[in-house]
Amino acid sequence: CAALEHLEWTEDPRFADPEDRVENIDELKRLIDEVLGSRTADEWIVAFEREGVSYSDTSTMVEALNHPQTVEREMVVEVEHPDAGVIRLLGNPIKIADTDTRLEPPPLAGEHSVEVLSEWLGYERNEIHDLISSGLIYSAPDLSEKESS
């Protein structure tokens, strides 16, 4: 309350004890949000530190993805995509020495249809051709042409 410059809240019967605060949580949140919106995060950090209030700074998604630690840990990596060019992906969070953590670009639509149908699901070549020809399954054009020939 001191950091937010609202000492009167300490005397407000709606917030007198934890049970009252829980019962009136919506109003308490509204009041706090209203006050917090009146200053920048940097200004509040100074006020919180002055009053000994525990706090944690938060980042936007862009700030988090461009944070020096995120960059150093290669948590965002660039890969070449055949259609989109260079794209940014989330990197592998598991880092083990001498382990290749390079990522492949996401597959194109239908890129692995033939492979999944044949190797994983056991479909025969003619069955796959029929599924693709009927439009029930999509396969990248160059892959379906290879399979149908």
C-alpha atoms as a PDB file:
ATOM      1  CA  CYS A   1       0.000   0.000   0.000  1.00  0.00           C
ATOM      2  CA  ALA A   2       2.868   2.366   0.791  1.00  0.00           C
ATOM      3  CA  ALA A   3       4.598   1.652  -2.528  1.00  0.00           C
ATOM      4  CA  LEU A   4       1.326   2.261  -4.378  1.00  0.00           C
ATOM      5  CA  GLU A   5       0.761   5.395  -2.295  1.00  0.00           C
ATOM      6  CA  HIS A   6      -2.598   4.198  -0.989  1.00  0.00           C
ATOM      7  CA  LEU A   7      -2.179   3.761   2.749  1.00  0.00           C
ATOM      8  CA  GLU A   8      -5.957   4.180   3.159  1.00  0.00           C
ATOM      9  CA  TRP A   9      -6.351   0.622   1.842  1.00  0.00           C
ATOM     10  CA  THR A  10      -4.767  -0.643   5.080  1.00  0.00           C
ATOM     11  CA  GLU A  11      -7.775   0.775   6.973  1.00  0.00           C
ATOM     12  CA  ASP A  12     -10.420  -0.364   4.480  1.00  0.00           C
ATOM     13  CA  PRO A  13     -12.577  -3.082   6.122  1.00  0.00           C
ATOM     14  CA  ARG A  14     -12.928  -4.859   2.750  1.00  0.00           C
ATOM     15  CA  PHE A  15      -9.206  -5.618   2.860  1.00  0.00           C
ATOM     16  CA  ALA A  16      -8.645  -5.891   6.641  1.00  0.00           C
ATOM     17  CA  ASP A  17      -7.575  -9.546   6.676  1.00  0.00           C
ATOM     18  CA  PRO A  18      -6.833 -12.301   4.138  1.00  0.00           C
ATOM     19  CA  GLU A  19     -10.412 -13.614   4.167  1.00  0.00           C
ATOM     20  CA  ASP A  20     -11.813 -10.137   3.493  1.00  0.00           C
ATOM     21  CA  ARG A  21      -9.291  -9.596   0.690  1.00  0.00           C
ATOM     22  CA  VAL A  22     -10.268 -12.908  -0.914  1.00  0.00           C
ATOM     23  CA  GLU A  23     -13.957 -12.024  -0.616  1.00  0.00           C
ATOM     24  CA  ASN A  24     -13.293  -8.648  -2.285  1.00  0.00           C
ATOM     25  CA  ILE A  25     -10.548  -9.769  -4.653  1.00  0.00           C
ATOM     26  CA  ASP A  26     -12.192  -8.341  -7.791  1.00  0.00           C
ATOM     27  CA  GLU A  27     -12.379  -4.866  -6.292  1.00  0.00           C
ATOM     28  CA  LEU A  28      -8.854  -5.097  -4.899  1.00  0.00           C
ATOM     29  CA  LYS A  29      -7.488  -6.166  -8.285  1.00  0.00           C
ATOM     30  CA  ARG A  30      -9.376  -3.337  -9.978  1.00  0.00           C
ATOM     31  CA  LEU A  31      -7.894  -0.767  -7.600  1.00  0.00           C
ATOM     32  CA  ILE A  32      -4.362  -2.127  -7.931  1.00  0.00           C
ATOM     33  CA  ASP A  33      -4.579  -2.347 -11.737  1.00  0.00           C
ATOM     34  CA  GLU A  34      -5.842   1.232 -11.895  1.00  0.00           C
ATOM     35  CA  VAL A  35      -2.900   2.485  -9.846  1.00  0.00           C
ATOM     36  CA  LEU A  36      -0.280   0.344 -11.629  1.00  0.00           C
ATOM     37  CA  GLY A  37      -1.429   1.695 -14.984  1.00  0.00           C
ATOM     38  CA  SER A  38      -0.558   5.231 -13.909  1.00  0.00           C
ATOM     39  CA  ARG A  39       3.243   4.772 -14.108  1.00  0.00           C
ATOM     40  CA  THR A  40       5.860   2.913 -16.097  1.00  0.00           C
ATOM     41  CA  ALA A  41       7.331  -0.394 -14.970  1.00  0.00           C
ATOM     42  CA  ASP A  42      10.659   1.319 -14.276  1.00  0.00           C
ATOM     43  CA  GLU A  43       8.942   3.831 -11.994  1.00  0.00           C
ATOM     44  CA  TRP A  44       7.200   1.030 -10.079  1.00  0.00           C
ATOM     45  CA  ILE A  45      10.472  -0.865  -9.678  1.00  0.00           C
ATOM     46  CA  VAL A  46      11.955   2.154  -7.908  1.00  0.00           C
ATOM     47  CA  ALA A  47       8.891   2.426  -5.643  1.00  0.00           C
ATOM     48  CA  PHE A  48       8.854  -1.316  -4.859  1.00  0.00           C
ATOM     49  CA  GLU A  49      12.557  -1.378  -4.051  1.00  0.00           C
ATOM     50  CA  ARG A  50      12.190   1.710  -1.840  1.00  0.00           C
ATOM     51  CA  GLU A  51       9.436  -0.027   0.174  1.00  0.00           C
ATOM     52  CA  GLY A  52      11.016  -3.503   0.144  1.00  0.00           C
ATOM     53  CA  VAL A  53       8.241  -5.022  -1.965  1.00  0.00           C
ATOM     54  CA  SER A  54       9.049  -8.281  -3.758  1.00  0.00           C
ATOM     55  CA  TYR A  55       8.453  -8.005  -7.470  1.00  0.00           C
ATOM     56  CA  SER A  56       9.400  -9.568 -10.747  1.00  0.00           C
ATOM     57  CA  ASP A  57       9.860  -7.711 -13.971  1.00  0.00           C
ATOM     58  CA  THR A  58       8.059  -9.248 -16.936  1.00  0.00           C
ATOM     59  CA  SER A  59       8.952  -9.194 -20.599  1.00  0.00           C
ATOM     60  CA  THR A  60       6.907  -9.058 -23.737  1.00  0.00           C
ATOM     61  CA  MET A  61       7.266 -12.056 -26.043  1.00  0.00           C
ATOM     62  CA  VAL A  62       9.561 -10.060 -28.352  1.00  0.00           C
ATOM     63  CA  GLU A  63      11.737  -8.957 -25.413  1.00  0.00           C
ATOM     64  CA  ALA A  64      11.976 -12.525 -24.105  1.00  0.00           C
ATOM     65  CA  LEU A  65      12.890 -13.966 -27.508  1.00  0.00           C
ATOM     66  CA  ASN A  66      15.581 -11.312 -28.016  1.00  0.00           C
ATOM     67  CA  HIS A  67      16.961 -11.412 -24.467  1.00  0.00           C
ATOM     68  CA  PRO A  68      20.758 -11.936 -24.378  1.00  0.00           C
ATOM     69  CA  GLN A  69      20.385 -15.226 -22.478  1.00  0.00           C
ATOM     70  CA  THR A  70      17.832 -16.496 -24.995  1.00  0.00           C
ATOM     71  CA  VAL A  71      20.246 -15.641 -27.808  1.00  0.00           C
ATOM     72  CA  GLU A  72      23.280 -17.143 -26.021  1.00  0.00           C
ATOM     73  CA  ARG A  73      21.426 -20.417 -25.322  1.00  0.00           C
ATOM     74  CA  GLU A  74      20.286 -20.558 -28.981  1.00  0.00           C
ATOM     75  CA  MET A  75      16.667 -20.739 -27.925  1.00  0.00           C
ATOM     76  CA  VAL A  76      15.676 -19.022 -31.165  1.00  0.00           C
ATOM     77  CA  VAL A  77      17.376 -20.294 -34.303  1.00  0.00           C
ATOM     78  CA  GLU A  78      17.163 -19.448 -37.977  1.00  0.00           C
ATOM     79  CA  VAL A  79      16.589 -22.158 -40.579  1.00  0.00           C
ATOM     80  CA  GLU A  80      16.137 -22.046 -44.334  1.00  0.00           C
ATOM     81  CA  HIS A  81      12.598 -22.970 -45.399  1.00  0.00           C
ATOM     82  CA  PRO A  82      12.071 -23.990 -49.049  1.00  0.00           C
ATOM     83  CA  ASP A  83       9.081 -21.666 -49.514  1.00  0.00           C
ATOM     84  CA  ALA A  84       9.404 -19.000 -46.814  1.00  0.00           C
ATOM     85  CA  GLY A  85      13.162 -18.402 -46.902  1.00  0.00           C
ATOM     86  CA  VAL A  86      14.910 -17.872 -43.584  1.00  0.00           C
ATOM     87  CA  ILE A  87      12.533 -18.387 -40.656  1.00  0.00           C
ATOM     88  CA  ARG A  88      13.024 -18.246 -36.894  1.00  0.00           C
ATOM     89  CA  LEU A  89      12.111 -21.267 -34.767  1.00  0.00           C
ATOM     90  CA  LEU A  90      12.315 -22.062 -31.086  1.00  0.00           C
ATOM     91  CA  GLY A  91      15.552 -23.943 -30.460  1.00  0.00           C
ATOM     92  CA  ASN A  92      15.995 -27.219 -28.632  1.00  0.00           C
ATOM     93  CA  PRO A  93      15.979 -26.487 -24.876  1.00  0.00           C
ATOM     94  CA  ILE A  94      18.074 -29.575 -24.116  1.00  0.00           C
ATOM     95  CA  LYS A  95      21.752 -28.837 -24.554  1.00  0.00           C
ATOM     96  CA  ILE A  96      24.116 -31.809 -24.250  1.00  0.00           C
ATOM     97  CA  ALA A  97      27.795 -31.525 -25.161  1.00  0.00           C
ATOM     98  CA  ASP A  98      28.702 -32.882 -28.599  1.00  0.00           C
ATOM     99  CA  THR A  99      25.029 -33.319 -29.531  1.00  0.00           C
ATOM    100  CA  ASP A 100      23.701 -31.915 -32.791  1.00  0.00           C
ATOM    101  CA  THR A 101      20.707 -29.722 -31.973  1.00  0.00           C
ATOM    102  CA  ARG A 102      20.196 -28.270 -35.459  1.00  0.00           C
ATOM    103  CA  LEU A 103      16.570 -28.048 -36.500  1.00  0.00           C
ATOM    104  CA  GLU A 104      14.969 -28.763 -39.832  1.00  0.00           C
ATOM    105  CA  PRO A 105      12.318 -26.403 -41.206  1.00  0.00           C
ATOM    106  CA  PRO A 106       8.702 -27.426 -40.727  1.00  0.00           C
ATOM    107  CA  PRO A 107       7.485 -29.732 -43.501  1.00  0.00           C
ATOM    108  CA  LEU A 108       5.505 -28.497 -46.455  1.00  0.00           C
ATOM    109  CA  ALA A 109       1.867 -29.518 -46.676  1.00  0.00           C
ATOM    110  CA  GLY A 110       1.777 -33.155 -47.768  1.00  0.00           C
ATOM    111  CA  GLU A 111       5.558 -33.497 -47.761  1.00  0.00           C
ATOM    112  CA  HIS A 112       5.512 -36.741 -45.792  1.00  0.00           C
ATOM    113  CA  SER A 113       2.120 -38.151 -46.790  1.00  0.00           C
ATOM    114  CA  VAL A 114       3.513 -40.985 -48.899  1.00  0.00           C
ATOM    115  CA  GLU A 115       6.159 -41.874 -46.313  1.00  0.00           C
ATOM    116  CA  VAL A 116       3.633 -41.967 -43.441  1.00  0.00           C
ATOM    117  CA  LEU A 117       1.103 -43.984 -45.421  1.00  0.00           C
ATOM    118  CA  SER A 118       3.619 -46.544 -46.634  1.00  0.00           C
ATOM    119  CA  GLU A 119       6.206 -46.847 -43.849  1.00  0.00           C
ATOM    120  CA  TRP A 120       4.070 -46.151 -40.807  1.00  0.00           C
ATOM    121  CA  LEU A 121       0.633 -47.326 -41.855  1.00  0.00           C
ATOM    122  CA  GLY A 122       1.546 -50.104 -44.285  1.00  0.00           C
ATOM    123  CA  TYR A 123      -0.395 -48.890 -47.317  1.00  0.00           C
ATOM    124  CA  GLU A 124       0.573 -50.307 -50.690  1.00  0.00           C
ATOM    125  CA  ARG A 125       1.714 -48.116 -53.576  1.00  0.00           C
ATOM    126  CA  ASN A 126      -1.572 -48.475 -55.516  1.00  0.00           C
ATOM    127  CA  GLU A 127      -3.642 -47.696 -52.383  1.00  0.00           C
ATOM    128  CA  ILE A 128      -1.637 -44.525 -51.778  1.00  0.00           C
ATOM    129  CA  HIS A 129      -2.054 -43.503 -55.413  1.00  0.00           C
ATOM    130  CA  ASP A 130      -5.836 -44.025 -55.151  1.00  0.00           C
ATOM    131  CA  LEU A 131      -6.065 -41.984 -51.924  1.00  0.00           C
ATOM    132  CA  ILE A 132      -4.114 -39.119 -53.445  1.00  0.00           C
ATOM    133  CA  SER A 133      -6.005 -39.269 -56.777  1.00  0.00           C
ATOM    134  CA  SER A 134      -9.365 -39.224 -54.998  1.00  0.00           C
ATOM    135  CA  GLY A 135      -8.342 -36.163 -52.958  1.00  0.00           C
ATOM    136  CA  LEU A 136      -8.740 -37.916 -49.605  1.00  0.00           C
ATOM    137  CA  ILE A 137      -5.026 -37.490 -48.927  1.00  0.00           C
ATOM    138  CA  TYR A 138      -2.886 -34.554 -49.965  1.00  0.00           C
ATOM    139  CA  SER A 139       0.671 -35.111 -51.019  1.00  0.00           C
ATOM    140  CA  ALA A 140       3.105 -32.485 -52.218  1.00  0.00           C
ATOM    141  CA  PRO A 141       2.813 -32.581 -56.047  1.00  0.00           C
ATOM    142  CA  ASP A 142       6.363 -33.690 -56.726  1.00  0.00           C
ATOM    143  CA  LEU A 143       6.054 -36.519 -54.188  1.00  0.00           C
ATOM    144  CA  SER A 144       2.728 -37.816 -55.502  1.00  0.00           C
ATOM    145  CA  GLU A 145       4.087 -37.775 -59.063  1.00  0.00           C
ATOM    146  CA  LYS A 146       7.102 -39.839 -57.980  1.00  0.00           C
ATOM    147  CA  GLU A 147       4.883 -42.306 -56.172  1.00  0.00           C
ATOM    148  CA  SER A 148       2.338 -42.638 -58.984  1.00  0.00           C
ATOM    149  CA  SER A 149       4.921 -43.307 -61.707  1.00  0.00           C
END
